Structures are given as structure tokens and as C-alpha cells.
N, C-alpha and C. Protein backbone atom coordinates (compact mmCIF):
# COMPACT_ATOMS: atom_id res chain seq x y z
N UNK A 1 0.77 -1.15 0.05
CA UNK A 1 -0.01 -0.01 -0.04
C UNK A 1 0.97 1.28 0.06
N UNK A 2 0.56 2.20 -0.88
CA UNK A 2 1.46 3.36 -1.02
C UNK A 2 0.95 4.37 0.14
N UNK A 3 1.87 5.33 0.46
CA UNK A 3 1.53 6.34 1.45
C UNK A 3 0.45 7.27 0.87
N UNK A 4 -0.35 7.80 1.66
CA UNK A 4 -1.31 8.64 1.22
C UNK A 4 -0.75 10.03 0.83
N UNK A 5 -1.25 10.52 -0.24
CA UNK A 5 -0.77 11.81 -0.66
C UNK A 5 -1.56 12.90 0.01
N UNK A 6 -0.82 13.75 0.80
CA UNK A 6 -1.37 14.76 1.59
C UNK A 6 -1.15 16.24 1.03
N UNK A 7 0.00 16.36 0.47
CA UNK A 7 0.19 17.69 -0.14
C UNK A 7 0.48 17.58 -1.63
N UNK A 8 0.38 18.66 -2.40
CA UNK A 8 0.57 18.79 -3.84
C UNK A 8 1.77 19.62 -4.22
N UNK A 9 2.68 19.69 -3.33
CA UNK A 9 3.81 20.56 -3.58
C UNK A 9 4.68 20.14 -4.77
N UNK A 10 4.89 18.89 -5.02
CA UNK A 10 5.56 18.42 -6.21
C UNK A 10 4.80 18.74 -7.50
N UNK A 11 3.46 18.43 -7.50
CA UNK A 11 2.70 18.78 -8.65
C UNK A 11 2.76 20.21 -9.00
N UNK A 12 2.63 21.06 -7.99
CA UNK A 12 2.42 22.52 -8.28
C UNK A 12 3.85 23.02 -8.76
N UNK A 13 4.99 22.53 -8.24
CA UNK A 13 6.34 22.90 -8.79
C UNK A 13 6.46 22.49 -10.17
N UNK A 14 6.07 21.29 -10.58
CA UNK A 14 6.10 20.91 -12.07
C UNK A 14 5.31 21.87 -12.91
N UNK A 15 4.03 22.07 -12.36
CA UNK A 15 3.14 23.02 -13.21
C UNK A 15 3.74 24.34 -13.38
N UNK A 16 4.64 24.94 -12.46
CA UNK A 16 5.12 26.12 -12.47
C UNK A 16 6.62 26.10 -13.16
N UNK A 17 7.04 24.85 -13.49
CA UNK A 17 8.42 24.71 -14.17
C UNK A 17 9.45 25.07 -13.16
N UNK A 18 9.26 24.74 -11.86
CA UNK A 18 10.31 25.07 -10.87
C UNK A 18 10.84 23.83 -10.26
N UNK A 19 11.94 23.87 -9.58
CA UNK A 19 12.57 22.68 -8.99
C UNK A 19 12.50 22.78 -7.45
N UNK A 20 12.75 21.65 -6.86
CA UNK A 20 12.74 21.54 -5.50
C UNK A 20 13.96 22.30 -4.88
N UNK A 21 15.02 22.27 -5.72
CA UNK A 21 16.21 23.06 -5.37
C UNK A 21 15.93 24.56 -5.17
N UNK A 22 15.16 25.04 -6.26
CA UNK A 22 14.75 26.41 -6.16
C UNK A 22 14.00 26.82 -4.88
N UNK A 23 12.99 25.91 -4.60
CA UNK A 23 12.13 26.03 -3.42
C UNK A 23 13.00 25.93 -2.07
N UNK A 24 13.98 25.12 -2.12
CA UNK A 24 14.92 24.97 -0.93
C UNK A 24 15.69 26.29 -0.73
N UNK A 25 16.14 26.90 -1.72
CA UNK A 25 16.94 28.16 -1.65
C UNK A 25 15.97 29.23 -1.24
N UNK A 26 14.89 29.30 -1.72
CA UNK A 26 13.87 30.41 -1.38
C UNK A 26 13.44 30.26 0.10
N UNK A 27 13.27 29.08 0.66
CA UNK A 27 12.88 28.84 2.02
C UNK A 27 14.04 28.78 3.04
N UNK A 28 15.23 28.63 2.44
CA UNK A 28 16.41 28.40 3.27
C UNK A 28 16.44 27.07 4.04
N UNK A 29 15.92 26.11 3.25
CA UNK A 29 15.91 24.70 3.77
C UNK A 29 16.75 23.86 3.03
N UNK A 30 17.04 22.72 3.57
CA UNK A 30 17.94 21.69 3.00
C UNK A 30 17.05 21.06 1.83
N UNK A 31 17.71 20.69 0.68
CA UNK A 31 16.97 20.03 -0.45
C UNK A 31 16.34 18.73 -0.07
N UNK A 32 17.06 18.02 0.90
CA UNK A 32 16.44 16.74 1.43
C UNK A 32 15.07 16.92 2.06
N UNK A 33 14.94 18.09 2.84
CA UNK A 33 13.73 18.36 3.44
C UNK A 33 12.56 18.57 2.44
N UNK A 34 12.89 19.34 1.32
CA UNK A 34 12.02 19.65 0.30
C UNK A 34 11.56 18.29 -0.33
N UNK A 35 12.59 17.46 -0.57
CA UNK A 35 12.25 16.12 -1.20
C UNK A 35 11.32 15.27 -0.41
N UNK A 36 11.49 15.32 1.01
CA UNK A 36 10.67 14.53 1.76
C UNK A 36 9.21 15.12 1.85
N UNK A 37 9.17 16.42 1.63
CA UNK A 37 7.64 17.08 1.58
C UNK A 37 7.08 16.63 0.20
N UNK A 38 7.89 16.67 -0.81
CA UNK A 38 7.45 16.36 -2.17
C UNK A 38 6.98 14.87 -2.35
N UNK A 39 7.69 13.98 -1.60
CA UNK A 39 7.27 12.64 -1.56
C UNK A 39 6.18 12.28 -0.52
N UNK A 40 5.80 13.24 0.30
CA UNK A 40 4.79 13.01 1.34
C UNK A 40 5.28 12.19 2.43
N UNK A 41 6.62 12.04 2.58
CA UNK A 41 7.18 11.34 3.74
C UNK A 41 6.85 12.07 4.99
N UNK A 42 7.07 13.37 4.94
CA UNK A 42 6.83 14.26 6.01
C UNK A 42 6.04 15.44 5.53
N UNK A 43 5.37 16.16 6.45
CA UNK A 43 4.62 17.36 5.97
C UNK A 43 5.22 18.63 6.55
N UNK A 44 5.16 19.73 5.72
CA UNK A 44 5.59 20.94 6.26
C UNK A 44 4.51 21.43 7.24
N UNK A 45 4.80 22.37 7.99
CA UNK A 45 3.90 22.96 8.99
C UNK A 45 2.90 23.94 8.23
N UNK A 46 1.88 24.30 8.80
CA UNK A 46 0.94 25.06 8.09
C UNK A 46 1.47 26.53 7.74
N UNK A 47 2.20 27.10 8.65
CA UNK A 47 2.89 28.41 8.34
C UNK A 47 3.86 28.25 6.99
N UNK A 48 4.48 26.99 6.98
CA UNK A 48 5.40 26.83 5.88
C UNK A 48 4.61 26.57 4.61
N UNK A 49 3.43 25.99 4.71
CA UNK A 49 2.59 25.78 3.49
C UNK A 49 2.20 27.21 3.03
N UNK A 50 1.83 28.07 3.93
CA UNK A 50 1.49 29.44 3.51
C UNK A 50 2.62 30.16 2.83
N UNK A 51 3.87 30.03 3.27
CA UNK A 51 4.95 30.65 2.70
C UNK A 51 5.31 30.03 1.30
N UNK A 52 5.19 28.73 1.22
CA UNK A 52 5.43 28.06 -0.11
C UNK A 52 4.24 28.59 -1.15
N UNK A 53 3.07 28.61 -0.67
CA UNK A 53 1.93 29.14 -1.55
C UNK A 53 2.28 30.59 -2.04
N UNK A 54 2.80 31.44 -1.18
CA UNK A 54 3.18 32.74 -1.57
C UNK A 54 4.27 32.74 -2.60
N UNK A 55 5.23 31.91 -2.39
CA UNK A 55 6.31 31.89 -3.39
C UNK A 55 5.89 31.32 -4.74
N UNK A 56 4.88 30.38 -4.71
CA UNK A 56 4.40 29.82 -5.89
C UNK A 56 3.25 30.55 -6.62
N UNK A 57 2.86 31.62 -5.82
CA UNK A 57 1.74 32.48 -6.32
C UNK A 57 0.46 31.53 -6.44
N UNK A 58 0.16 30.77 -5.43
CA UNK A 58 -1.10 29.97 -5.42
C UNK A 58 -1.71 30.08 -4.07
N UNK A 59 -2.98 29.68 -4.04
CA UNK A 59 -3.66 29.51 -2.78
C UNK A 59 -3.09 28.37 -1.90
N UNK A 60 -2.97 28.56 -0.60
CA UNK A 60 -2.54 27.38 0.20
C UNK A 60 -3.46 26.16 0.05
N UNK A 61 -4.64 26.32 -0.18
CA UNK A 61 -5.51 25.23 -0.55
C UNK A 61 -5.09 24.38 -1.67
N UNK A 62 -4.44 25.10 -2.68
CA UNK A 62 -3.97 24.31 -3.81
C UNK A 62 -2.88 23.36 -3.53
N UNK A 63 -2.18 23.52 -2.38
CA UNK A 63 -1.12 22.78 -2.03
C UNK A 63 -1.46 21.60 -1.14
N UNK A 64 -2.73 21.47 -0.71
CA UNK A 64 -3.22 20.52 0.18
C UNK A 64 -4.31 19.61 -0.50
N UNK A 65 -4.16 18.35 -0.51
CA UNK A 65 -5.12 17.43 -1.09
C UNK A 65 -6.24 17.33 -0.08
N UNK A 66 -7.58 17.22 -0.59
CA UNK A 66 -8.74 17.03 0.24
C UNK A 66 -8.78 15.56 0.76
């Protein structure tokens, strides 16, 4: 059974033609952390989701799966 997809960070990065490395630099985070968010191994905090949404120019709701 595969892990449940909780966030859409990876999908939105692809839609915007951006990389996880770009996001890591903008947030001042390690690339491994971003990778774990993108694979849904771990989840960013809600304030971090809001920061990511602002950087990607999307609503925070677009980053979270229902």
C-alpha cells in the first residue's frame, strides 16, 4: 500500500516549471527536506505551507489534497 498523498507541492512545482532546489533556496531549507515534503514522507507546517503558496503564487488550499 502506498503512502497517502497529503500535499501537492511536487505537482505545483512541476506545473510552474520550478525545482525543489529552487524552493529549498527560497525557504532556506535543505534540499532533502523539500524532497521529503514532495514525496509526502513528512509534511511541512501550516505556516510553511502558506510561505510556499506565496512563493508559488497559489492559494494554500492548492497545496493540500482534500
